[in-house]
Amino acid sequence: MKVAIYIRVSTEDQAKEDYSLEVQREYLESFAKREGYEIFKV
């Protein structure tokens, strides 16, 4: 299955509190790989 990853932060606090774009991307890419999904766009 092909999937897209959507990441964002709404506030500066989210970016500072370990919810940065990089952290989200790493988590979601790891999840997709573990579940056997093919990422076609981030």
PDB file of N, CA and C in Angstrom:
ATOM      1  N   MET A   1       0.848  -1.172   0.000  1.00  0.00           N
ATOM      2  CA  MET A   1       0.000   0.000   0.000  1.00  0.00           C
ATOM      3  C   MET A   1       0.894   1.235   0.000  1.00  0.00           C
ATOM      4  N   LYS A   2       0.540   2.199  -0.816  1.00  0.00           N
ATOM      5  CA  LYS A   2       1.262   3.466  -0.844  1.00  0.00           C
ATOM      6  C   LYS A   2       0.585   4.449   0.101  1.00  0.00           C
ATOM      7  N   VAL A   3       1.404   5.223   0.815  1.00  0.00           N
ATOM      8  CA  VAL A   3       0.872   6.201   1.761  1.00  0.00           C
ATOM      9  C   VAL A   3       1.615   7.522   1.623  1.00  0.00           C
ATOM     10  N   ALA A   4       0.971   8.574   2.071  1.00  0.00           N
ATOM     11  CA  ALA A   4       1.591   9.891   2.172  1.00  0.00           C
ATOM     12  C   ALA A   4       1.739  10.213   3.651  1.00  0.00           C
ATOM     13  N   ILE A   5       2.779  10.961   3.965  1.00  0.00           N
ATOM     14  CA  ILE A   5       3.015  11.396   5.342  1.00  0.00           C
ATOM     15  C   ILE A   5       2.784  12.899   5.406  1.00  0.00           C
ATOM     16  N   TYR A   6       1.963  13.310   6.350  1.00  0.00           N
ATOM     17  CA  TYR A   6       1.683  14.722   6.568  1.00  0.00           C
ATOM     18  C   TYR A   6       2.202  15.094   7.948  1.00  0.00           C
ATOM     19  N   ILE A   7       3.089  16.074   8.000  1.00  0.00           N
ATOM     20  CA  ILE A   7       3.648  16.517   9.281  1.00  0.00           C
ATOM     21  C   ILE A   7       3.507  18.023   9.400  1.00  0.00           C
ATOM     22  N   ARG A   8       3.331  18.476  10.659  1.00  0.00           N
ATOM     23  CA  ARG A   8       3.250  19.917  10.902  1.00  0.00           C
ATOM     24  C   ARG A   8       3.353  20.185  12.393  1.00  0.00           C
ATOM     25  N   VAL A   9       3.701  21.396  12.725  1.00  0.00           N
ATOM     26  CA  VAL A   9       3.596  21.881  14.100  1.00  0.00           C
ATOM     27  C   VAL A   9       2.777  23.153  14.056  1.00  0.00           C
ATOM     28  N   SER A  10       1.951  23.329  15.076  1.00  0.00           N
ATOM     29  CA  SER A  10       1.064  24.489  15.120  1.00  0.00           C
ATOM     30  C   SER A  10       1.669  25.645  15.894  1.00  0.00           C
ATOM     31  N   THR A  11       2.499  25.317  16.879  1.00  0.00           N
ATOM     32  CA  THR A  11       3.044  26.362  17.732  1.00  0.00           C
ATOM     33  C   THR A  11       4.542  26.153  17.935  1.00  0.00           C
ATOM     34  N   GLU A  12       5.211  27.187  18.378  1.00  0.00           N
ATOM     35  CA  GLU A  12       6.633  27.071  18.700  1.00  0.00           C
ATOM     36  C   GLU A  12       6.840  26.108  19.864  1.00  0.00           C
ATOM     37  N   ASP A  13       5.902  26.073  20.793  1.00  0.00           N
ATOM     38  CA  ASP A  13       6.011  25.161  21.935  1.00  0.00           C
ATOM     39  C   ASP A  13       6.063  23.712  21.474  1.00  0.00           C
ATOM     40  N   GLN A  14       5.253  23.359  20.496  1.00  0.00           N
ATOM     41  CA  GLN A  14       5.283  21.991  19.978  1.00  0.00           C
ATOM     42  C   GLN A  14       6.650  21.678  19.382  1.00  0.00           C
ATOM     43  N   ALA A  15       7.200  22.603  18.669  1.00  0.00           N
ATOM     44  CA  ALA A  15       8.510  22.391  18.047  1.00  0.00           C
ATOM     45  C   ALA A  15       9.589  22.217  19.104  1.00  0.00           C
ATOM     46  N   LYS A  16       9.454  22.899  20.226  1.00  0.00           N
ATOM     47  CA  LYS A  16      10.448  22.820  21.297  1.00  0.00           C
ATOM     48  C   LYS A  16      10.274  21.579  22.159  1.00  0.00           C
ATOM     49  N   GLU A  17       9.071  21.043  22.232  1.00  0.00           N
ATOM     50  CA  GLU A  17       8.771  19.946  23.153  1.00  0.00           C
ATOM     51  C   GLU A  17       8.806  18.582  22.471  1.00  0.00           C
ATOM     52  N   ASP A  18       9.865  18.332  21.725  1.00  0.00           N
ATOM     53  CA  ASP A  18      10.068  17.023  21.092  1.00  0.00           C
ATOM     54  C   ASP A  18       8.949  16.626  20.140  1.00  0.00           C
ATOM     55  N   TYR A  19       8.339  17.588  19.497  1.00  0.00           N
ATOM     56  CA  TYR A  19       7.299  17.302  18.517  1.00  0.00           C
ATOM     57  C   TYR A  19       7.661  18.005  17.209  1.00  0.00           C
ATOM     58  N   SER A  20       8.969  18.105  16.977  1.00  0.00           N
ATOM     59  CA  SER A  20       9.446  18.816  15.795  1.00  0.00           C
ATOM     60  C   SER A  20       9.099  18.049  14.523  1.00  0.00           C
ATOM     61  N   LEU A  21       9.249  18.700  13.402  1.00  0.00           N
ATOM     62  CA  LEU A  21       8.975  18.058  12.124  1.00  0.00           C
ATOM     63  C   LEU A  21       9.865  16.845  11.917  1.00  0.00           C
ATOM     64  N   GLU A  22      11.123  16.963  12.314  1.00  0.00           N
ATOM     65  CA  GLU A  22      12.052  15.853  12.142  1.00  0.00           C
ATOM     66  C   GLU A  22      11.639  14.631  12.960  1.00  0.00           C
ATOM     67  N   VAL A  23      11.231  14.876  14.201  1.00  0.00           N
ATOM     68  CA  VAL A  23      10.800  13.775  15.078  1.00  0.00           C
ATOM     69  C   VAL A  23       9.567  13.099  14.504  1.00  0.00           C
ATOM     70  N   GLN A  24       8.613  13.886  14.047  1.00  0.00           N
ATOM     71  CA  GLN A  24       7.401  13.326  13.465  1.00  0.00           C
ATOM     72  C   GLN A  24       7.718  12.486  12.228  1.00  0.00           C
ATOM     73  N   ARG A  25       8.580  13.026  11.370  1.00  0.00           N
ATOM     74  CA  ARG A  25       8.928  12.318  10.135  1.00  0.00           C
ATOM     75  C   ARG A  25       9.603  10.980  10.442  1.00  0.00           C
ATOM     76  N   GLU A  26      10.558  10.997  11.357  1.00  0.00           N
ATOM     77  CA  GLU A  26      11.252   9.760  11.717  1.00  0.00           C
ATOM     78  C   GLU A  26      10.271   8.723  12.268  1.00  0.00           C
ATOM     79  N   TYR A  27       9.380   9.153  13.142  1.00  0.00           N
ATOM     80  CA  TYR A  27       8.407   8.239  13.729  1.00  0.00           C
ATOM     81  C   TYR A  27       7.499   7.635  12.655  1.00  0.00           C
ATOM     82  N   LEU A  28       6.971   8.488  11.780  1.00  0.00           N
ATOM     83  CA  LEU A  28       6.026   8.015  10.778  1.00  0.00           C
ATOM     84  C   LEU A  28       6.696   7.163   9.707  1.00  0.00           C
ATOM     85  N   GLU A  29       7.931   7.494   9.339  1.00  0.00           N
ATOM     86  CA  GLU A  29       8.649   6.654   8.387  1.00  0.00           C
ATOM     87  C   GLU A  29       8.933   5.284   8.992  1.00  0.00           C
ATOM     88  N   SER A  30       9.294   5.249  10.260  1.00  0.00           N
ATOM     89  CA  SER A  30       9.540   3.991  10.947  1.00  0.00           C
ATOM     90  C   SER A  30       8.256   3.161  11.011  1.00  0.00           C
ATOM     91  N   PHE A  31       7.155   3.797  11.338  1.00  0.00           N
ATOM     92  CA  PHE A  31       5.872   3.108  11.398  1.00  0.00           C
ATOM     93  C   PHE A  31       5.511   2.511  10.037  1.00  0.00           C
ATOM     94  N   ALA A  32       5.647   3.313   8.989  1.00  0.00           N
ATOM     95  CA  ALA A  32       5.298   2.849   7.648  1.00  0.00           C
ATOM     96  C   ALA A  32       6.155   1.649   7.249  1.00  0.00           C
ATOM     97  N   LYS A  33       7.440   1.719   7.534  1.00  0.00           N
ATOM     98  CA  LYS A  33       8.337   0.612   7.202  1.00  0.00           C
ATOM     99  C   LYS A  33       7.937  -0.653   7.961  1.00  0.00           C
ATOM    100  N   ARG A  34       7.665  -0.499   9.244  1.00  0.00           N
ATOM    101  CA  ARG A  34       7.293  -1.622  10.094  1.00  0.00           C
ATOM    102  C   ARG A  34       6.002  -2.290   9.607  1.00  0.00           C
ATOM    103  N   GLU A  35       5.068  -1.480   9.107  1.00  0.00           N
ATOM    104  CA  GLU A  35       3.778  -1.993   8.658  1.00  0.00           C
ATOM    105  C   GLU A  35       3.788  -2.428   7.189  1.00  0.00           C
ATOM    106  N   GLY A  36       4.911  -2.202   6.505  1.00  0.00           N
ATOM    107  CA  GLY A  36       5.023  -2.622   5.114  1.00  0.00           C
ATOM    108  C   GLY A  36       4.438  -1.638   4.114  1.00  0.00           C
ATOM    109  N   TYR A  37       4.290  -0.389   4.504  1.00  0.00           N
ATOM    110  CA  TYR A  37       3.744   0.629   3.599  1.00  0.00           C
ATOM    111  C   TYR A  37       4.861   1.260   2.780  1.00  0.00           C
ATOM    112  N   GLU A  38       4.532   1.664   1.580  1.00  0.00           N
ATOM    113  CA  GLU A  38       5.463   2.391   0.715  1.00  0.00           C
ATOM    114  C   GLU A  38       5.124   3.871   0.780  1.00  0.00           C
ATOM    115  N   ILE A  39       6.062   4.694   1.172  1.00  0.00           N
ATOM    116  CA  ILE A  39       5.836   6.132   1.258  1.00  0.00           C
ATOM    117  C   ILE A  39       6.066   6.734  -0.114  1.00  0.00           C
ATOM    118  N   PHE A  40       5.044   7.379  -0.654  1.00  0.00           N
ATOM    119  CA  PHE A  40       5.208   7.987  -1.967  1.00  0.00           C
ATOM    120  C   PHE A  40       5.377   9.495  -1.892  1.00  0.00           C
ATOM    121  N   LYS A  41       5.028  10.100  -0.765  1.00  0.00           N
ATOM    122  CA  LYS A  41       5.194  11.547  -0.633  1.00  0.00           C
ATOM    123  C   LYS A  41       5.163  11.953   0.828  1.00  0.00           C
ATOM    124  N   VAL A  42       6.009  12.934   1.158  1.00  0.00           N
ATOM    125  CA  VAL A  42       6.015  13.512   2.507  1.00  0.00           C
ATOM    126  C   VAL A  42       5.673  14.973   2.348  1.00  0.00           C
TER     127      VAL A  42
END
